Amino acid sequence: MSDQLSQLSAAADRPFLSIVIPALNEAQRLPESLAKIDAFLKQQPYSAEVIVVENGSTDDTVGVVQAFMRHHPYVRLFAGEPRGKGRAVRRGMLEARGAYRFLCDADLSMPIQEIKHFLPPVLEGYDVIIGSREAKGARRYNEPWHRHFMGRINNWIIKLFAVRGFEDTQCGFKAFTARAAEDLFGVSVINGIGFDVEILFIAQKRGYRIAEVPINWYFDPDSRMRLIKDSLGILREIFAIRRNWNKGLYAKRA
């Protein structure tokens, strides 16, 4: 473990890593995912916390997390957040205490072991690290061709109107330093699926160092992505992001 990691892990009130999981109707998938995360964290030399933000579930997502928390005190739950993935992620990132804050989809379509590629000592010197299903070296498994095709169209639109230089802004696995997370999510306002674009747009404008990390990604047939509706939603939110920037809504807070 690097000296930097050792120093950060030593802070009793500040874990090295926060894993933030937005959860909408995830009662079926969370037990297995939380168990995998727990097994992974037990093998790590650093301290960590897991933050689950439940936002508008109609199943027993809250009960599932509360049951897990009884034997895993490093898990924290914030329940009752209104719907909207962007809203849930923002709450989790701002509630987190970790020196690094990792956004993690509840389905673990990226194996949790790959988180090491986002963190020191494997990767150092970046403020924002985005998982990529398209970067050189990445592999996608079992994804229907039409979903991949729509994803490439969305990425082309995003690069044309908002964020250039990245092949996959929408992957649900991203890491932030504490400073970057508190700055970026402290001014973000997009509550829908376009929050990824907003965060990267602001990060580029702020001059943050951003890395795109290739990952192995496994398609989940229970994916919550709605091809047409969500694609149109991203397009609307891209133009909202540009309007917000022109209005000065993303100005740094004193």
C-alpha atoms as a PDB file:
ATOM      1  CA  MET A   1       0.000   0.000   0.000  1.00  0.00           C
ATOM      2  CA  SER A   2       1.340   3.427  -0.916  1.00  0.00           C
ATOM      3  CA  ASP A   3       2.213   6.009   1.763  1.00  0.00           C
ATOM      4  CA  GLN A   4      -0.708   8.149   0.553  1.00  0.00           C
ATOM      5  CA  LEU A   5      -3.182   5.291   0.989  1.00  0.00           C
ATOM      6  CA  SER A   6      -1.778   4.481   4.453  1.00  0.00           C
ATOM      7  CA  GLN A   7      -2.152   8.066   5.620  1.00  0.00           C
ATOM      8  CA  LEU A   8      -5.708   8.361   4.337  1.00  0.00           C
ATOM      9  CA  SER A   9      -6.744   5.039   5.863  1.00  0.00           C
ATOM     10  CA  ALA A  10      -5.372   6.112   9.227  1.00  0.00           C
ATOM     11  CA  ALA A  11      -7.972   8.857   9.702  1.00  0.00           C
ATOM     12  CA  ALA A  12     -10.543   7.367  12.068  1.00  0.00           C
ATOM     13  CA  ASP A  13     -13.367   9.626  10.971  1.00  0.00           C
ATOM     14  CA  ARG A  14     -12.566   9.469   7.269  1.00  0.00           C
ATOM     15  CA  PRO A  15     -12.525   6.107   5.510  1.00  0.00           C
ATOM     16  CA  PHE A  16     -10.289   5.732   2.509  1.00  0.00           C
ATOM     17  CA  LEU A  17     -13.206   4.653   0.303  1.00  0.00           C
ATOM     18  CA  SER A  18     -16.923   5.362   0.141  1.00  0.00           C
ATOM     19  CA  ILE A  19     -19.002   3.174  -2.182  1.00  0.00           C
ATOM     20  CA  VAL A  20     -22.213   4.984  -3.143  1.00  0.00           C
ATOM     21  CA  ILE A  21     -25.110   2.867  -4.441  1.00  0.00           C
ATOM     22  CA  PRO A  22     -28.301   4.509  -5.740  1.00  0.00           C
ATOM     23  CA  ALA A  23     -31.156   2.070  -5.184  1.00  0.00           C
ATOM     24  CA  LEU A  24     -34.609   2.138  -6.747  1.00  0.00           C
ATOM     25  CA  ASN A  25     -36.526  -1.131  -6.335  1.00  0.00           C
ATOM     26  CA  GLU A  26     -33.351  -3.146  -5.761  1.00  0.00           C
ATOM     27  CA  ALA A  27     -34.625  -5.606  -3.141  1.00  0.00           C
ATOM     28  CA  GLN A  28     -33.854  -8.567  -5.416  1.00  0.00           C
ATOM     29  CA  ARG A  29     -30.353  -7.581  -6.523  1.00  0.00           C
ATOM     30  CA  LEU A  30     -28.952  -5.880  -3.432  1.00  0.00           C
ATOM     31  CA  PRO A  31     -28.473  -8.939  -1.170  1.00  0.00           C
ATOM     32  CA  GLU A  32     -26.075 -10.601  -3.597  1.00  0.00           C
ATOM     33  CA  SER A  33     -24.355  -7.341  -4.522  1.00  0.00           C
ATOM     34  CA  LEU A  34     -23.840  -6.291  -0.899  1.00  0.00           C
ATOM     35  CA  ALA A  35     -22.443  -9.732  -0.082  1.00  0.00           C
ATOM     36  CA  LYS A  36     -19.944  -9.445  -2.953  1.00  0.00           C
ATOM     37  CA  ILE A  37     -18.917  -5.961  -1.850  1.00  0.00           C
ATOM     38  CA  ASP A  38     -18.494  -7.181   1.735  1.00  0.00           C
ATOM     39  CA  ALA A  39     -16.277 -10.085   0.634  1.00  0.00           C
ATOM     40  CA  PHE A  40     -14.182  -7.692  -1.451  1.00  0.00           C
ATOM     41  CA  LEU A  41     -13.758  -5.118   1.325  1.00  0.00           C
ATOM     42  CA  LYS A  42     -12.673  -7.787   3.813  1.00  0.00           C
ATOM     43  CA  GLN A  43      -9.638  -8.416   1.614  1.00  0.00           C
ATOM     44  CA  GLN A  44      -8.581  -4.755   1.395  1.00  0.00           C
ATOM     45  CA  PRO A  45      -6.025  -3.011   3.628  1.00  0.00           C
ATOM     46  CA  TYR A  46      -8.011   0.225   3.800  1.00  0.00           C
ATOM     47  CA  SER A  47     -11.099   1.400   5.654  1.00  0.00           C
ATOM     48  CA  ALA A  48     -14.361   1.785   3.759  1.00  0.00           C
ATOM     49  CA  GLU A  49     -18.038   2.594   4.030  1.00  0.00           C
ATOM     50  CA  VAL A  50     -20.995   1.723   1.832  1.00  0.00           C
ATOM     51  CA  ILE A  51     -23.770   4.265   1.342  1.00  0.00           C
ATOM     52  CA  VAL A  52     -27.092   3.142  -0.103  1.00  0.00           C
ATOM     53  CA  VAL A  53     -29.497   5.889  -1.189  1.00  0.00           C
ATOM     54  CA  GLU A  54     -33.013   4.570  -1.651  1.00  0.00           C
ATOM     55  CA  ASN A  55     -35.179   6.829  -3.792  1.00  0.00           C
ATOM     56  CA  GLY A  56     -38.815   6.007  -4.284  1.00  0.00           C
ATOM     57  CA  SER A  57     -38.843   2.210  -4.115  1.00  0.00           C
ATOM     58  CA  THR A  58     -42.127   0.321  -3.971  1.00  0.00           C
ATOM     59  CA  ASP A  59     -40.471  -2.960  -2.939  1.00  0.00           C
ATOM     60  CA  ASP A  60     -38.572  -3.840   0.249  1.00  0.00           C
ATOM     61  CA  THR A  61     -35.270  -2.196  -0.697  1.00  0.00           C
ATOM     62  CA  VAL A  62     -35.140  -0.392   2.661  1.00  0.00           C
ATOM     63  CA  GLY A  63     -35.816  -3.577   4.642  1.00  0.00           C
ATOM     64  CA  VAL A  64     -33.148  -5.507   2.742  1.00  0.00           C
ATOM     65  CA  VAL A  65     -30.512  -2.876   3.465  1.00  0.00           C
ATOM     66  CA  GLN A  66     -31.530  -2.535   7.111  1.00  0.00           C
ATOM     67  CA  ALA A  67     -31.204  -6.305   7.567  1.00  0.00           C
ATOM     68  CA  PHE A  68     -27.688  -6.218   6.085  1.00  0.00           C
ATOM     69  CA  MET A  69     -26.732  -3.250   8.260  1.00  0.00           C
ATOM     70  CA  ARG A  70     -27.403  -5.193  11.456  1.00  0.00           C
ATOM     71  CA  HIS A  71     -24.227  -7.210  10.895  1.00  0.00           C
ATOM     72  CA  HIS A  72     -22.304  -4.689   8.785  1.00  0.00           C
ATOM     73  CA  PRO A  73     -22.031  -1.366  10.618  1.00  0.00           C
ATOM     74  CA  TYR A  74     -19.983   0.226   7.847  1.00  0.00           C
ATOM     75  CA  VAL A  75     -23.172   0.397   5.722  1.00  0.00           C
ATOM     76  CA  ARG A  76     -25.236   3.596   5.892  1.00  0.00           C
ATOM     77  CA  LEU A  77     -28.742   3.998   4.453  1.00  0.00           C
ATOM     78  CA  PHE A  78     -30.486   7.173   3.339  1.00  0.00           C
ATOM     79  CA  ALA A  79     -34.078   6.332   2.533  1.00  0.00           C
ATOM     80  CA  GLY A  80     -36.984   8.297   1.137  1.00  0.00           C
ATOM     81  CA  GLU A  81     -35.066  10.417  -1.356  1.00  0.00           C
ATOM     82  CA  PRO A  82     -37.371  11.430  -4.245  1.00  0.00           C
ATOM     83  CA  ARG A  83     -36.927   9.572  -7.515  1.00  0.00           C
ATOM     84  CA  GLY A  84     -34.184  10.470  -9.941  1.00  0.00           C
ATOM     85  CA  LYS A  85     -30.803   8.754 -10.190  1.00  0.00           C
ATOM     86  CA  GLY A  86     -28.950  12.049 -10.298  1.00  0.00           C
ATOM     87  CA  ARG A  87     -30.667  13.156  -7.095  1.00  0.00           C
ATOM     88  CA  ALA A  88     -29.774   9.886  -5.337  1.00  0.00           C
ATOM     89  CA  VAL A  89     -26.140   9.972  -6.433  1.00  0.00           C
ATOM     90  CA  ARG A  90     -25.777  13.601  -5.354  1.00  0.00           C
ATOM     91  CA  ARG A  91     -27.129  12.796  -1.882  1.00  0.00           C
ATOM     92  CA  GLY A  92     -24.784   9.852  -1.521  1.00  0.00           C
ATOM     93  CA  MET A  93     -21.690  11.705  -2.713  1.00  0.00           C
ATOM     94  CA  LEU A  94     -22.322  14.622  -0.362  1.00  0.00           C
ATOM     95  CA  GLU A  95     -23.103  12.363   2.608  1.00  0.00           C
ATOM     96  CA  ALA A  96     -19.974  10.276   1.974  1.00  0.00           C
ATOM     97  CA  ARG A  97     -16.903  10.747   4.145  1.00  0.00           C
ATOM     98  CA  GLY A  98     -14.346   8.844   2.098  1.00  0.00           C
ATOM     99  CA  ALA A  99     -11.163  10.284   0.639  1.00  0.00           C
ATOM    100  CA  TYR A 100     -12.292   8.536  -2.567  1.00  0.00           C
ATOM    101  CA  ARG A 101     -15.968   8.174  -3.474  1.00  0.00           C
ATOM    102  CA  PHE A 102     -17.007   5.443  -5.866  1.00  0.00           C
ATOM    103  CA  LEU A 103     -20.327   5.400  -7.708  1.00  0.00           C
ATOM    104  CA  CYS A 104     -21.514   1.814  -8.044  1.00  0.00           C
ATOM    105  CA  ASP A 105     -24.614   0.515  -9.824  1.00  0.00           C
ATOM    106  CA  ALA A 106     -26.550  -1.966  -7.707  1.00  0.00           C
ATOM    107  CA  ASP A 107     -26.372  -4.698 -10.334  1.00  0.00           C
ATOM    108  CA  LEU A 108     -22.547  -4.890 -10.168  1.00  0.00           C
ATOM    109  CA  SER A 109     -22.414  -5.285 -13.936  1.00  0.00           C
ATOM    110  CA  MET A 110     -18.746  -4.424 -13.458  1.00  0.00           C
ATOM    111  CA  PRO A 111     -17.162  -6.940 -11.057  1.00  0.00           C
ATOM    112  CA  ILE A 112     -16.388  -5.112  -7.808  1.00  0.00           C
ATOM    113  CA  GLN A 113     -12.792  -6.404  -7.892  1.00  0.00           C
ATOM    114  CA  GLU A 114     -12.080  -3.965 -10.717  1.00  0.00           C
ATOM    115  CA  ILE A 115     -12.453  -1.042  -8.350  1.00  0.00           C
ATOM    116  CA  LYS A 116      -8.703  -1.284  -7.748  1.00  0.00           C
ATOM    117  CA  HIS A 117      -8.134   0.195 -11.219  1.00  0.00           C
ATOM    118  CA  PHE A 118      -9.831   3.417 -10.069  1.00  0.00           C
ATOM    119  CA  LEU A 119      -7.769   3.947  -6.921  1.00  0.00           C
ATOM    120  CA  PRO A 120      -4.203   4.434  -5.701  1.00  0.00           C
ATOM    121  CA  PRO A 121      -1.745   2.850  -5.947  1.00  0.00           C
ATOM    122  CA  VAL A 122      -2.897   1.445  -9.324  1.00  0.00           C
ATOM    123  CA  LEU A 123      -4.106   4.821 -10.585  1.00  0.00           C
ATOM    124  CA  GLU A 124      -2.946   8.111  -9.091  1.00  0.00           C
ATOM    125  CA  GLY A 125      -2.994  11.769 -10.037  1.00  0.00           C
ATOM    126  CA  TYR A 126      -6.612  12.044 -11.227  1.00  0.00           C
ATOM    127  CA  ASP A 127      -9.626  13.781  -9.712  1.00  0.00           C
ATOM    128  CA  VAL A 128     -12.369  11.961 -11.631  1.00  0.00           C
ATOM    129  CA  ILE A 129     -12.111   8.424 -13.000  1.00  0.00           C
ATOM    130  CA  ILE A 130     -14.853   7.036 -15.216  1.00  0.00           C
ATOM    131  CA  GLY A 131     -15.360   3.381 -16.029  1.00  0.00           C
ATOM    132  CA  SER A 132     -15.580   2.778 -19.759  1.00  0.00           C
ATOM    133  CA  ARG A 133     -17.136  -0.038 -21.748  1.00  0.00           C
ATOM    134  CA  GLU A 134     -15.643   1.442 -24.923  1.00  0.00           C
ATOM    135  CA  ALA A 135     -12.049   2.398 -24.068  1.00  0.00           C
ATOM    136  CA  LYS A 136      -9.262   0.262 -25.491  1.00  0.00           C
ATOM    137  CA  GLY A 137      -9.037  -2.936 -23.475  1.00  0.00           C
ATOM    138  CA  ALA A 138     -12.661  -2.907 -22.294  1.00  0.00           C
ATOM    139  CA  ARG A 139     -14.899  -5.922 -22.864  1.00  0.00           C
ATOM    140  CA  ARG A 140     -18.683  -6.127 -22.982  1.00  0.00           C
ATOM    141  CA  TYR A 141     -20.477  -9.412 -22.421  1.00  0.00           C
ATOM    142  CA  ASN A 142     -23.922 -10.516 -23.601  1.00  0.00           C
ATOM    143  CA  GLU A 143     -25.158  -7.069 -24.595  1.00  0.00           C
ATOM    144  CA  PRO A 144     -27.832  -7.028 -27.336  1.00  0.00           C
ATOM    145  CA  TRP A 145     -26.577  -5.284 -30.460  1.00  0.00           C
ATOM    146  CA  HIS A 146     -29.411  -2.741 -30.468  1.00  0.00           C
ATOM    147  CA  ARG A 147     -28.532  -1.536 -26.970  1.00  0.00           C
ATOM    148  CA  HIS A 148     -24.897  -1.110 -27.941  1.00  0.00           C
ATOM    149  CA  PHE A 149     -25.914   0.722 -31.110  1.00  0.00           C
ATOM    150  CA  MET A 150     -28.157   3.122 -29.199  1.00  0.00           C
ATOM    151  CA  GLY A 151     -25.373   3.713 -26.685  1.00  0.00           C
ATOM    152  CA  ARG A 152     -22.988   4.739 -29.456  1.00  0.00           C
ATOM    153  CA  ILE A 153     -25.564   7.172 -30.856  1.00  0.00           C
ATOM    154  CA  ASN A 154     -26.054   8.684 -27.397  1.00  0.00           C
ATOM    155  CA  ASN A 155     -22.299   9.038 -26.979  1.00  0.00           C
ATOM    156  CA  TRP A 156     -22.006  10.770 -30.350  1.00  0.00           C
ATOM    157  CA  ILE A 157     -24.706  13.264 -29.296  1.00  0.00           C
ATOM    158  CA  ILE A 158     -23.020  13.842 -25.934  1.00  0.00           C
ATOM    159  CA  LYS A 159     -19.652  14.494 -27.591  1.00  0.00           C
ATOM    160  CA  LEU A 160     -21.233  16.800 -30.142  1.00  0.00           C
ATOM    161  CA  PHE A 161     -23.128  18.992 -27.683  1.00  0.00           C
ATOM    162  CA  ALA A 162     -21.594  18.623 -24.226  1.00  0.00           C
ATOM    163  CA  VAL A 163     -18.551  16.536 -23.270  1.00  0.00           C
ATOM    164  CA  ARG A 164     -15.777  15.655 -25.682  1.00  0.00           C
ATOM    165  CA  GLY A 165     -12.886  13.271 -25.282  1.00  0.00           C
ATOM    166  CA  PHE A 166     -14.621  10.270 -23.702  1.00  0.00           C
ATOM    167  CA  GLU A 167     -16.116   7.148 -25.228  1.00  0.00           C
ATOM    168  CA  ASP A 168     -18.490   6.233 -22.413  1.00  0.00           C
ATOM    169  CA  THR A 169     -19.895   8.914 -20.138  1.00  0.00           C
ATOM    170  CA  GLN A 170     -22.895   6.834 -19.025  1.00  0.00           C
ATOM    171  CA  CYS A 171     -21.238   3.853 -17.380  1.00  0.00           C
ATOM    172  CA  GLY A 172     -22.501   3.475 -13.813  1.00  0.00           C
ATOM    173  CA  PHE A 173     -19.055   3.140 -12.236  1.00  0.00           C
ATOM    174  CA  LYS A 174     -17.079   6.296 -11.461  1.00  0.00           C
ATOM    175  CA  ALA A 175     -14.655   7.480  -8.780  1.00  0.00           C
ATOM    176  CA  PHE A 176     -14.018  10.957  -7.397  1.00  0.00           C
ATOM    177  CA  THR A 177     -11.614  12.417  -4.905  1.00  0.00           C
ATOM    178  CA  ALA A 178     -13.404  13.931  -1.929  1.00  0.00           C
ATOM    179  CA  ARG A 179     -12.538  17.440  -3.098  1.00  0.00           C
ATOM    180  CA  ALA A 180     -13.864  16.854  -6.608  1.00  0.00           C
ATOM    181  CA  ALA A 181     -17.034  15.113  -5.377  1.00  0.00           C
ATOM    182  CA  GLU A 182     -17.919  17.887  -2.938  1.00  0.00           C
ATOM    183  CA  ASP A 183     -17.232  20.598  -5.510  1.00  0.00           C
ATOM    184  CA  LEU A 184     -19.012  18.992  -8.471  1.00  0.00           C
ATOM    185  CA  PHE A 185     -22.035  17.523  -6.704  1.00  0.00           C
ATOM    186  CA  GLY A 186     -22.304  20.656  -4.608  1.00  0.00           C
ATOM    187  CA  VAL A 187     -23.372  22.631  -7.688  1.00  0.00           C
ATOM    188  CA  SER A 188     -25.039  19.934  -9.815  1.00  0.00           C
ATOM    189  CA  VAL A 189     -28.790  20.217 -10.386  1.00  0.00           C
ATOM    190  CA  ILE A 190     -29.714  17.532 -12.919  1.00  0.00           C
ATOM    191  CA  ASN A 191     -31.795  14.876 -11.182  1.00  0.00           C
ATOM    192  CA  GLY A 192     -32.291  12.516 -14.104  1.00  0.00           C
ATOM    193  CA  ILE A 193     -30.106  10.156 -16.058  1.00  0.00           C
ATOM    194  CA  GLY A 194     -28.139  13.022 -17.600  1.00  0.00           C
ATOM    195  CA  PHE A 195     -26.380  13.731 -14.291  1.00  0.00           C
ATOM    196  CA  ASP A 196     -23.251  11.933 -15.583  1.00  0.00           C
ATOM    197  CA  VAL A 197     -22.977  14.357 -18.476  1.00  0.00           C
ATOM    198  CA  GLU A 198     -23.513  17.315 -16.166  1.00  0.00           C
ATOM    199  CA  ILE A 199     -20.808  16.226 -13.730  1.00  0.00           C
ATOM    200  CA  LEU A 200     -18.261  15.623 -16.497  1.00  0.00           C
ATOM    201  CA  PHE A 201     -19.213  18.880 -18.218  1.00  0.00           C
ATOM    202  CA  ILE A 202     -18.544  20.844 -15.025  1.00  0.00           C
ATOM    203  CA  ALA A 203     -15.392  18.846 -14.307  1.00  0.00           C
ATOM    204  CA  GLN A 204     -13.959  19.718 -17.720  1.00  0.00           C
ATOM    205  CA  LYS A 205     -14.848  23.374 -17.284  1.00  0.00           C
ATOM    206  CA  ARG A 206     -13.187  23.346 -13.846  1.00  0.00           C
ATOM    207  CA  GLY A 207     -10.022  21.786 -15.262  1.00  0.00           C
ATOM    208  CA  TYR A 208     -10.174  18.580 -13.229  1.00  0.00           C
ATOM    209  CA  ARG A 209      -7.927  15.720 -14.291  1.00  0.00           C
ATOM    210  CA  ILE A 210     -10.179  12.993 -15.718  1.00  0.00           C
ATOM    211  CA  ALA A 211      -9.207   9.436 -16.638  1.00  0.00           C
ATOM    212  CA  GLU A 212     -11.230   6.861 -18.578  1.00  0.00           C
ATOM    213  CA  VAL A 213     -10.571   3.314 -17.353  1.00  0.00           C
ATOM    214  CA  PRO A 214     -11.464   0.242 -19.464  1.00  0.00           C
ATOM    215  CA  ILE A 215     -13.588  -2.287 -17.608  1.00  0.00           C
ATOM    216  CA  ASN A 216     -15.176  -5.694 -18.074  1.00  0.00           C
ATOM    217  CA  TRP A 217     -18.926  -5.184 -18.178  1.00  0.00           C
ATOM    218  CA  TYR A 218     -21.690  -7.799 -18.131  1.00  0.00           C
ATOM    219  CA  PHE A 219     -25.114  -6.955 -19.506  1.00  0.00           C
ATOM    220  CA  ASP A 220     -27.931  -7.475 -17.008  1.00  0.00           C
ATOM    221  CA  PRO A 221     -31.269  -8.424 -18.625  1.00  0.00           C
ATOM    222  CA  ASP A 222     -32.938  -6.595 -15.733  1.00  0.00           C
ATOM    223  CA  SER A 223     -31.283  -3.342 -16.785  1.00  0.00           C
ATOM    224  CA  ARG A 224     -33.344  -0.271 -15.882  1.00  0.00           C
ATOM    225  CA  MET A 225     -32.176   1.639 -18.958  1.00  0.00           C
ATOM    226  CA  ARG A 226     -35.132   2.533 -21.216  1.00  0.00           C
ATOM    227  CA  LEU A 227     -33.694   2.973 -24.683  1.00  0.00           C
ATOM    228  CA  ILE A 228     -35.949   5.570 -26.278  1.00  0.00           C
ATOM    229  CA  LYS A 229     -37.264   7.400 -23.218  1.00  0.00           C
ATOM    230  CA  ASP A 230     -33.878   7.686 -21.509  1.00  0.00           C
ATOM    231  CA  SER A 231     -32.107   8.686 -24.722  1.00  0.00           C
ATOM    232  CA  LEU A 232     -34.572  11.523 -25.240  1.00  0.00           C
ATOM    233  CA  GLY A 233     -34.196  12.465 -21.591  1.00  0.00           C
ATOM    234  CA  ILE A 234     -30.425  12.739 -21.944  1.00  0.00           C
ATOM    235  CA  LEU A 235     -30.850  14.972 -24.991  1.00  0.00           C
ATOM    236  CA  ARG A 236     -33.192  17.327 -23.112  1.00  0.00           C
ATOM    237  CA  GLU A 237     -30.851  17.439 -20.151  1.00  0.00           C
ATOM    238  CA  ILE A 238     -27.813  18.184 -22.329  1.00  0.00           C
ATOM    239  CA  PHE A 239     -29.439  21.404 -23.470  1.00  0.00           C
ATOM    240  CA  ALA A 240     -30.478  22.165 -19.883  1.00  0.00           C
ATOM    241  CA  ILE A 241     -26.824  21.761 -18.844  1.00  0.00           C
ATOM    242  CA  ARG A 242     -25.680  24.260 -21.460  1.00  0.00           C
ATOM    243  CA  ARG A 243     -28.380  26.738 -20.389  1.00  0.00           C
ATOM    244  CA  ASN A 244     -27.394  26.307 -16.754  1.00  0.00           C
ATOM    245  CA  TRP A 245     -23.759  27.014 -17.587  1.00  0.00           C
ATOM    246  CA  ASN A 246     -24.631  30.141 -19.545  1.00  0.00           C
ATOM    247  CA  LYS A 247     -26.746  31.356 -16.625  1.00  0.00           C
ATOM    248  CA  GLY A 248     -23.866  30.860 -14.201  1.00  0.00           C
ATOM    249  CA  LEU A 249     -25.644  28.187 -12.164  1.00  0.00           C
ATOM    250  CA  TYR A 250     -22.458  26.140 -11.903  1.00  0.00           C
ATOM    251  CA  ALA A 251     -20.311  28.903 -10.464  1.00  0.00           C
ATOM    252  CA  LYS A 252     -18.060  27.822  -7.621  1.00  0.00           C
ATOM    253  CA  ARG A 253     -19.558  28.352  -4.210  1.00  0.00           C
ATOM    254  CA  ALA A 254     -17.693  30.486  -1.707  1.00  0.00           C
END
